[in-house]
PDB file of N, CA and C in Angstrom:
ATOM      1  N   UNK A   1     -22.615 -32.641   3.290  1.00  0.00           N
ATOM      2  CA  UNK A   1     -22.258 -31.239   3.244  1.00  0.00           C
ATOM      3  C   UNK A   1     -22.151 -30.673   4.664  1.00  0.00           C
ATOM      4  N   UNK A   2     -22.980 -31.195   5.544  1.00  0.00           N
ATOM      5  CA  UNK A   2     -22.926 -30.714   6.914  1.00  0.00           C
ATOM      6  C   UNK A   2     -21.607 -31.117   7.573  1.00  0.00           C
ATOM      7  N   UNK A   3     -21.185 -32.361   7.344  1.00  0.00           N
ATOM      8  CA  UNK A   3     -19.903 -32.825   7.895  1.00  0.00           C
ATOM      9  C   UNK A   3     -18.727 -32.028   7.359  1.00  0.00           C
ATOM     10  N   UNK A   4     -18.872 -31.508   6.152  1.00  0.00           N
ATOM     11  CA  UNK A   4     -17.802 -30.732   5.529  1.00  0.00           C
ATOM     12  C   UNK A   4     -17.840 -29.269   5.948  1.00  0.00           C
ATOM     13  N   UNK A   5     -18.812 -28.874   6.769  1.00  0.00           N
ATOM     14  CA  UNK A   5     -18.895 -27.512   7.249  1.00  0.00           C
ATOM     15  C   UNK A   5     -19.508 -26.532   6.262  1.00  0.00           C
ATOM     16  N   UNK A   6     -20.226 -27.045   5.271  1.00  0.00           N
ATOM     17  CA  UNK A   6     -20.822 -26.180   4.260  1.00  0.00           C
ATOM     18  C   UNK A   6     -22.229 -25.737   4.629  1.00  0.00           C
ATOM     19  N   UNK A   7     -22.935 -26.564   5.410  1.00  0.00           N
ATOM     20  CA  UNK A   7     -24.283 -26.223   5.855  1.00  0.00           C
ATOM     21  C   UNK A   7     -24.433 -26.590   7.324  1.00  0.00           C
ATOM     22  N   UNK A   8     -25.472 -26.074   7.944  1.00  0.00           N
ATOM     23  CA  UNK A   8     -25.823 -26.398   9.320  1.00  0.00           C
ATOM     24  C   UNK A   8     -27.337 -26.570   9.354  1.00  0.00           C
ATOM     25  N   UNK A   9     -27.834 -27.209  10.384  1.00  0.00           N
ATOM     26  CA  UNK A   9     -29.287 -27.347  10.478  1.00  0.00           C
ATOM     27  C   UNK A   9     -29.755 -27.160  11.915  1.00  0.00           C
ATOM     28  N   UNK A  10     -31.018 -26.826  12.024  1.00  0.00           N
ATOM     29  CA  UNK A  10     -31.696 -26.782  13.315  1.00  0.00           C
ATOM     30  C   UNK A  10     -33.039 -27.471  13.108  1.00  0.00           C
ATOM     31  N   UNK A  11     -33.677 -27.785  14.213  1.00  0.00           N
ATOM     32  CA  UNK A  11     -34.962 -28.461  14.094  1.00  0.00           C
ATOM     33  C   UNK A  11     -36.060 -27.513  14.542  1.00  0.00           C
ATOM     34  N   UNK A  12     -37.117 -27.441  13.738  1.00  0.00           N
ATOM     35  CA  UNK A  12     -38.282 -26.625  14.038  1.00  0.00           C
ATOM     36  C   UNK A  12     -39.479 -27.569  14.058  1.00  0.00           C
ATOM     37  N   UNK A  13     -39.823 -28.053  15.232  1.00  0.00           N
ATOM     38  CA  UNK A  13     -40.862 -29.085  15.323  1.00  0.00           C
ATOM     39  C   UNK A  13     -40.330 -30.369  14.708  1.00  0.00           C
ATOM     40  N   UNK A  14     -41.042 -30.866  13.727  1.00  0.00           N
ATOM     41  CA  UNK A  14     -40.595 -32.093  13.044  1.00  0.00           C
ATOM     42  C   UNK A  14     -39.760 -31.798  11.802  1.00  0.00           C
ATOM     43  N   UNK A  15     -39.638 -30.530  11.460  1.00  0.00           N
ATOM     44  CA  UNK A  15     -38.910 -30.146  10.235  1.00  0.00           C
ATOM     45  C   UNK A  15     -37.473 -29.751  10.561  1.00  0.00           C
ATOM     46  N   UNK A  16     -36.581 -30.090   9.671  1.00  0.00           N
ATOM     47  CA  UNK A  16     -35.195 -29.641   9.751  1.00  0.00           C
ATOM     48  C   UNK A  16     -35.059 -28.381   8.903  1.00  0.00           C
ATOM     49  N   UNK A  17     -34.421 -27.378   9.456  1.00  0.00           N
ATOM     50  CA  UNK A  17     -34.186 -26.126   8.743  1.00  0.00           C
ATOM     51  C   UNK A  17     -32.694 -26.021   8.478  1.00  0.00           C
ATOM     52  N   UNK A  18     -32.317 -25.985   7.203  1.00  0.00           N
ATOM     53  CA  UNK A  18     -30.906 -25.944   6.818  1.00  0.00           C
ATOM     54  C   UNK A  18     -30.517 -24.526   6.435  1.00  0.00           C
ATOM     55  N   UNK A  19     -29.260 -24.178   6.707  1.00  0.00           N
ATOM     56  CA  UNK A  19     -28.745 -22.870   6.294  1.00  0.00           C
ATOM     57  C   UNK A  19     -27.305 -23.037   5.823  1.00  0.00           C
ATOM     58  N   UNK A  20     -26.964 -22.261   4.833  1.00  0.00           N
ATOM     59  CA  UNK A  20     -25.613 -22.315   4.257  1.00  0.00           C
ATOM     60  C   UNK A  20     -24.629 -21.627   5.193  1.00  0.00           C
ATOM     61  N   UNK A  21     -23.446 -22.204   5.310  1.00  0.00           N
ATOM     62  CA  UNK A  21     -22.370 -21.601   6.100  1.00  0.00           C
ATOM     63  C   UNK A  21     -21.322 -20.945   5.210  1.00  0.00           C
ATOM     64  N   UNK A  22     -21.417 -21.203   3.913  1.00  0.00           N
ATOM     65  CA  UNK A  22     -20.493 -20.591   2.944  1.00  0.00           C
ATOM     66  C   UNK A  22     -21.317 -19.944   1.845  1.00  0.00           C
ATOM     67  N   UNK A  23     -20.757 -18.930   1.212  1.00  0.00           N
ATOM     68  CA  UNK A  23     -21.441 -18.247   0.126  1.00  0.00           C
ATOM     69  C   UNK A  23     -21.459 -19.085  -1.139  1.00  0.00           C
ATOM     70  N   UNK A  24     -22.278 -18.688  -2.108  1.00  0.00           N
ATOM     71  CA  UNK A  24     -22.388 -19.450  -3.356  1.00  0.00           C
ATOM     72  C   UNK A  24     -21.062 -19.593  -4.102  1.00  0.00           C
ATOM     73  N   UNK A  25     -20.268 -18.530  -4.134  1.00  0.00           N
ATOM     74  CA  UNK A  25     -18.974 -18.612  -4.822  1.00  0.00           C
ATOM     75  C   UNK A  25     -18.045 -19.600  -4.148  1.00  0.00           C
ATOM     76  N   UNK A  26     -17.990 -19.549  -2.819  1.00  0.00           N
ATOM     77  CA  UNK A  26     -17.160 -20.496  -2.076  1.00  0.00           C
ATOM     78  C   UNK A  26     -17.651 -21.921  -2.266  1.00  0.00           C
ATOM     79  N   UNK A  27     -18.958 -22.099  -2.264  1.00  0.00           N
ATOM     80  CA  UNK A  27     -19.526 -23.430  -2.448  1.00  0.00           C
ATOM     81  C   UNK A  27     -19.172 -23.986  -3.825  1.00  0.00           C
ATOM     82  N   UNK A  28     -19.232 -23.135  -4.855  1.00  0.00           N
ATOM     83  CA  UNK A  28     -18.851 -23.588  -6.206  1.00  0.00           C
ATOM     84  C   UNK A  28     -17.388 -24.017  -6.231  1.00  0.00           C
ATOM     85  N   UNK A  29     -16.516 -23.186  -5.635  1.00  0.00           N
ATOM     86  CA  UNK A  29     -15.086 -23.518  -5.623  1.00  0.00           C
ATOM     87  C   UNK A  29     -14.828 -24.827  -4.879  1.00  0.00           C
ATOM     88  N   UNK A  30     -15.471 -25.008  -3.740  1.00  0.00           N
ATOM     89  CA  UNK A  30     -15.313 -26.250  -2.985  1.00  0.00           C
ATOM     90  C   UNK A  30     -15.812 -27.446  -3.794  1.00  0.00           C
ATOM     91  N   UNK A  31     -16.943 -27.268  -4.467  1.00  0.00           N
ATOM     92  CA  UNK A  31     -17.509 -28.359  -5.273  1.00  0.00           C
ATOM     93  C   UNK A  31     -16.606 -28.712  -6.441  1.00  0.00           C
ATOM     94  N   UNK A  32     -16.017 -27.696  -7.090  1.00  0.00           N
ATOM     95  CA  UNK A  32     -15.113 -27.943  -8.213  1.00  0.00           C
ATOM     96  C   UNK A  32     -13.874 -28.690  -7.734  1.00  0.00           C
ATOM     97  N   UNK A  33     -13.313 -28.259  -6.593  1.00  0.00           N
ATOM     98  CA  UNK A  33     -12.140 -28.961  -6.052  1.00  0.00           C
ATOM     99  C   UNK A  33     -12.472 -30.412  -5.745  1.00  0.00           C
ATOM    100  N   UNK A  34     -13.653 -30.625  -5.162  1.00  0.00           N
ATOM    101  CA  UNK A  34     -14.073 -31.991  -4.843  1.00  0.00           C
ATOM    102  C   UNK A  34     -14.247 -32.817  -6.111  1.00  0.00           C
ATOM    103  N   UNK A  35     -14.839 -32.226  -7.140  1.00  0.00           N
ATOM    104  CA  UNK A  35     -15.023 -32.898  -8.422  1.00  0.00           C
ATOM    105  C   UNK A  35     -13.671 -33.264  -9.038  1.00  0.00           C
ATOM    106  N   UNK A  36     -12.740 -32.315  -9.031  1.00  0.00           N
ATOM    107  CA  UNK A  36     -11.409 -32.569  -9.579  1.00  0.00           C
ATOM    108  C   UNK A  36     -10.714 -33.687  -8.808  1.00  0.00           C
ATOM    109  N   UNK A  37     -10.855 -33.671  -7.495  1.00  0.00           N
ATOM    110  CA  UNK A  37     -10.221 -34.693  -6.669  1.00  0.00           C
ATOM    111  C   UNK A  37     -10.837 -36.063  -6.927  1.00  0.00           C
ATOM    112  N   UNK A  38     -12.159 -36.101  -6.979  1.00  0.00           N
ATOM    113  CA  UNK A  38     -12.863 -37.386  -7.109  1.00  0.00           C
ATOM    114  C   UNK A  38     -12.690 -38.034  -8.482  1.00  0.00           C
ATOM    115  N   UNK A  39     -12.749 -37.239  -9.539  1.00  0.00           N
ATOM    116  CA  UNK A  39     -12.774 -37.808 -10.891  1.00  0.00           C
ATOM    117  C   UNK A  39     -11.519 -37.554 -11.724  1.00  0.00           C
ATOM    118  N   UNK A  40     -10.670 -36.621 -11.295  1.00  0.00           N
ATOM    119  CA  UNK A  40      -9.523 -36.245 -12.117  1.00  0.00           C
ATOM    120  C   UNK A  40      -8.223 -36.240 -11.305  1.00  0.00           C
ATOM    121  N   UNK A  41      -8.146 -37.081 -10.302  1.00  0.00           N
ATOM    122  CA  UNK A  41      -6.962 -37.196  -9.428  1.00  0.00           C
ATOM    123  C   UNK A  41      -6.422 -35.833  -8.991  1.00  0.00           C
ATOM    124  N   UNK A  42      -7.338 -34.903  -8.749  1.00  0.00           N
ATOM    125  CA  UNK A  42      -6.962 -33.580  -8.264  1.00  0.00           C
ATOM    126  C   UNK A  42      -6.499 -32.603  -9.320  1.00  0.00           C
ATOM    127  N   UNK A  43      -6.478 -33.012 -10.570  1.00  0.00           N
ATOM    128  CA  UNK A  43      -5.978 -32.165 -11.652  1.00  0.00           C
ATOM    129  C   UNK A  43      -7.073 -31.268 -12.208  1.00  0.00           C
ATOM    130  N   UNK A  44      -6.961 -29.979 -11.957  1.00  0.00           N
ATOM    131  CA  UNK A  44      -7.926 -29.051 -12.552  1.00  0.00           C
ATOM    132  C   UNK A  44      -7.707 -28.954 -14.058  1.00  0.00           C
ATOM    133  N   UNK A  45      -6.479 -29.182 -14.508  1.00  0.00           N
ATOM    134  CA  UNK A  45      -6.198 -29.176 -15.951  1.00  0.00           C
ATOM    135  C   UNK A  45      -7.008 -30.255 -16.648  1.00  0.00           C
ATOM    136  N   UNK A  46      -7.004 -31.471 -16.099  1.00  0.00           N
ATOM    137  CA  UNK A  46      -7.775 -32.561 -16.713  1.00  0.00           C
ATOM    138  C   UNK A  46      -9.270 -32.248 -16.699  1.00  0.00           C
ATOM    139  N   UNK A  47      -9.728 -31.620 -15.639  1.00  0.00           N
ATOM    140  CA  UNK A  47     -11.132 -31.233 -15.554  1.00  0.00           C
ATOM    141  C   UNK A  47     -11.483 -30.232 -16.650  1.00  0.00           C
ATOM    142  N   UNK A  48     -10.656 -29.217 -16.827  1.00  0.00           N
ATOM    143  CA  UNK A  48     -10.901 -28.197 -17.853  1.00  0.00           C
ATOM    144  C   UNK A  48     -10.824 -28.812 -19.248  1.00  0.00           C
ATOM    145  N   UNK A  49      -9.857 -29.683 -19.473  1.00  0.00           N
ATOM    146  CA  UNK A  49      -9.731 -30.345 -20.780  1.00  0.00           C
ATOM    147  C   UNK A  49     -11.005 -31.127 -21.091  1.00  0.00           C
ATOM    148  N   UNK A  50     -11.520 -31.825 -20.104  1.00  0.00           N
ATOM    149  CA  UNK A  50     -12.756 -32.590 -20.311  1.00  0.00           C
ATOM    150  C   UNK A  50     -13.922 -31.661 -20.650  1.00  0.00           C
ATOM    151  N   UNK A  51     -14.002 -30.528 -19.975  1.00  0.00           N
ATOM    152  CA  UNK A  51     -15.056 -29.556 -20.281  1.00  0.00           C
ATOM    153  C   UNK A  51     -14.905 -29.005 -21.690  1.00  0.00           C
ATOM    154  N   UNK A  52     -13.662 -28.755 -22.108  1.00  0.00           N
ATOM    155  CA  UNK A  52     -13.423 -28.216 -23.447  1.00  0.00           C
ATOM    156  C   UNK A  52     -13.739 -29.226 -24.548  1.00  0.00           C
ATOM    157  N   UNK A  53     -13.685 -30.489 -24.238  1.00  0.00           N
ATOM    158  CA  UNK A  53     -14.014 -31.526 -25.221  1.00  0.00           C
ATOM    159  C   UNK A  53     -15.511 -31.616 -25.479  1.00  0.00           C
ATOM    160  N   UNK A  54     -16.301 -31.017 -24.607  1.00  0.00           N
ATOM    161  CA  UNK A  54     -17.756 -31.042 -24.755  1.00  0.00           C
ATOM    162  C   UNK A  54     -18.148 -30.272 -26.011  1.00  0.00           C
ATOM    163  N   UNK A  55     -18.851 -30.911 -26.897  1.00  0.00           N
ATOM    164  CA  UNK A  55     -19.202 -30.288 -28.180  1.00  0.00           C
ATOM    165  C   UNK A  55     -20.217 -29.164 -28.023  1.00  0.00           C
ATOM    166  N   UNK A  56     -20.810 -29.001 -26.856  1.00  0.00           N
ATOM    167  CA  UNK A  56     -21.819 -27.954 -26.664  1.00  0.00           C
ATOM    168  C   UNK A  56     -21.208 -26.595 -26.326  1.00  0.00           C
ATOM    169  N   UNK A  57     -19.902 -26.522 -26.153  1.00  0.00           N
ATOM    170  CA  UNK A  57     -19.271 -25.250 -25.803  1.00  0.00           C
ATOM    171  C   UNK A  57     -19.280 -24.337 -27.028  1.00  0.00           C
ATOM    172  N   UNK A  58     -19.698 -23.115 -26.821  1.00  0.00           N
ATOM    173  CA  UNK A  58     -19.854 -22.190 -27.951  1.00  0.00           C
ATOM    174  C   UNK A  58     -18.567 -21.391 -28.180  1.00  0.00           C
ATOM    175  N   UNK A  59     -18.502 -20.738 -29.338  1.00  0.00           N
ATOM    176  CA  UNK A  59     -17.373 -19.864 -29.660  1.00  0.00           C
ATOM    177  C   UNK A  59     -17.272 -18.735 -28.629  1.00  0.00           C
ATOM    178  N   UNK A  60     -18.418 -18.217 -28.234  1.00  0.00           N
ATOM    179  CA  UNK A  60     -18.435 -17.136 -27.237  1.00  0.00           C
ATOM    180  C   UNK A  60     -17.852 -17.611 -25.903  1.00  0.00           C
ATOM    181  N   UNK A  61     -18.212 -18.814 -25.495  1.00  0.00           N
ATOM    182  CA  UNK A  61     -17.680 -19.365 -24.246  1.00  0.00           C
ATOM    183  C   UNK A  61     -16.174 -19.590 -24.350  1.00  0.00           C
ATOM    184  N   UNK A  62     -15.725 -20.054 -25.505  1.00  0.00           N
ATOM    185  CA  UNK A  62     -14.288 -20.246 -25.711  1.00  0.00           C
ATOM    186  C   UNK A  62     -13.539 -18.916 -25.624  1.00  0.00           C
ATOM    187  N   UNK A  63     -14.089 -17.867 -26.232  1.00  0.00           N
ATOM    188  CA  UNK A  63     -13.463 -16.535 -26.147  1.00  0.00           C
ATOM    189  C   UNK A  63     -13.398 -16.063 -24.694  1.00  0.00           C
ATOM    190  N   UNK A  64     -14.467 -16.280 -23.963  1.00  0.00           N
ATOM    191  CA  UNK A  64     -14.502 -15.886 -22.555  1.00  0.00           C
ATOM    192  C   UNK A  64     -13.427 -16.631 -21.757  1.00  0.00           C
ATOM    193  N   UNK A  65     -13.294 -17.914 -22.026  1.00  0.00           N
ATOM    194  CA  UNK A  65     -12.256 -18.701 -21.344  1.00  0.00           C
ATOM    195  C   UNK A  65     -10.861 -18.204 -21.703  1.00  0.00           C
ATOM    196  N   UNK A  66     -10.641 -17.900 -22.971  1.00  0.00           N
ATOM    197  CA  UNK A  66      -9.342 -17.364 -23.396  1.00  0.00           C
ATOM    198  C   UNK A  66      -9.029 -16.058 -22.671  1.00  0.00           C
ATOM    199  N   UNK A  67     -10.035 -15.188 -22.555  1.00  0.00           N
ATOM    200  CA  UNK A  67      -9.840 -13.921 -21.843  1.00  0.00           C
ATOM    201  C   UNK A  67      -9.533 -14.156 -20.373  1.00  0.00           C
ATOM    202  N   UNK A  68     -10.217 -15.095 -19.762  1.00  0.00           N
ATOM    203  CA  UNK A  68      -9.958 -15.409 -18.355  1.00  0.00           C
ATOM    204  C   UNK A  68      -8.551 -15.957 -18.158  1.00  0.00           C
ATOM    205  N   UNK A  69      -8.099 -16.805 -19.073  1.00  0.00           N
ATOM    206  CA  UNK A  69      -6.750 -17.366 -18.982  1.00  0.00           C
ATOM    207  C   UNK A  69      -5.709 -16.258 -19.123  1.00  0.00           C
ATOM    208  N   UNK A  70      -5.901 -15.368 -20.104  1.00  0.00           N
ATOM    209  CA  UNK A  70      -4.977 -14.237 -20.277  1.00  0.00           C
ATOM    210  C   UNK A  70      -4.917 -13.380 -19.014  1.00  0.00           C
ATOM    211  N   UNK A  71      -6.074 -13.098 -18.465  1.00  0.00           N
ATOM    212  CA  UNK A  71      -6.160 -12.274 -17.267  1.00  0.00           C
ATOM    213  C   UNK A  71      -5.461 -12.955 -16.085  1.00  0.00           C
ATOM    214  N   UNK A  72      -5.673 -14.239 -15.947  1.00  0.00           N
ATOM    215  CA  UNK A  72      -5.039 -14.995 -14.844  1.00  0.00           C
ATOM    216  C   UNK A  72      -3.531 -15.018 -15.000  1.00  0.00           C
ATOM    217  N   UNK A  73      -3.051 -15.176 -16.233  1.00  0.00           N
ATOM    218  CA  UNK A  73      -1.607 -15.166 -16.481  1.00  0.00           C
ATOM    219  C   UNK A  73      -0.988 -13.839 -16.030  1.00  0.00           C
ATOM    220  N   UNK A  74      -1.652 -12.731 -16.357  1.00  0.00           N
ATOM    221  CA  UNK A  74      -1.162 -11.412 -15.961  1.00  0.00           C
ATOM    222  C   UNK A  74      -1.103 -11.299 -14.446  1.00  0.00           C
ATOM    223  N   UNK A  75      -2.088 -11.848 -13.732  1.00  0.00           N
ATOM    224  CA  UNK A  75      -2.091 -11.807 -12.282  1.00  0.00           C
ATOM    225  C   UNK A  75      -0.897 -12.557 -11.684  1.00  0.00           C
ATOM    226  N   UNK A  76      -0.495 -13.625 -12.349  1.00  0.00           N
ATOM    227  CA  UNK A  76       0.583 -14.467 -11.827  1.00  0.00           C
ATOM    228  C   UNK A  76       1.972 -13.926 -12.109  1.00  0.00           C
ATOM    229  N   UNK A  77       2.086 -12.942 -13.013  1.00  0.00           N
ATOM    230  CA  UNK A  77       3.401 -12.382 -13.348  1.00  0.00           C
ATOM    231  C   UNK A  77       3.891 -11.420 -12.321  1.00  0.00           C
TER     232      UNK A  77
END
């Protein structure tokens, strides 16, 4: 993560002190992109399809995803 510019460290005596260089939202987005690249040949669609196949996803979560997709479509128009 340090090589990727996501964290930095300093030394305090014998201890290393790490600090984030990106916010939590940015870190999540970077991690998702890395996951998609590593396991789904960069396809976020394949990643989402795999998540949707998970039997633990609830009706409420599906509705939320549908709303997010509708909202994103409107943004792109």
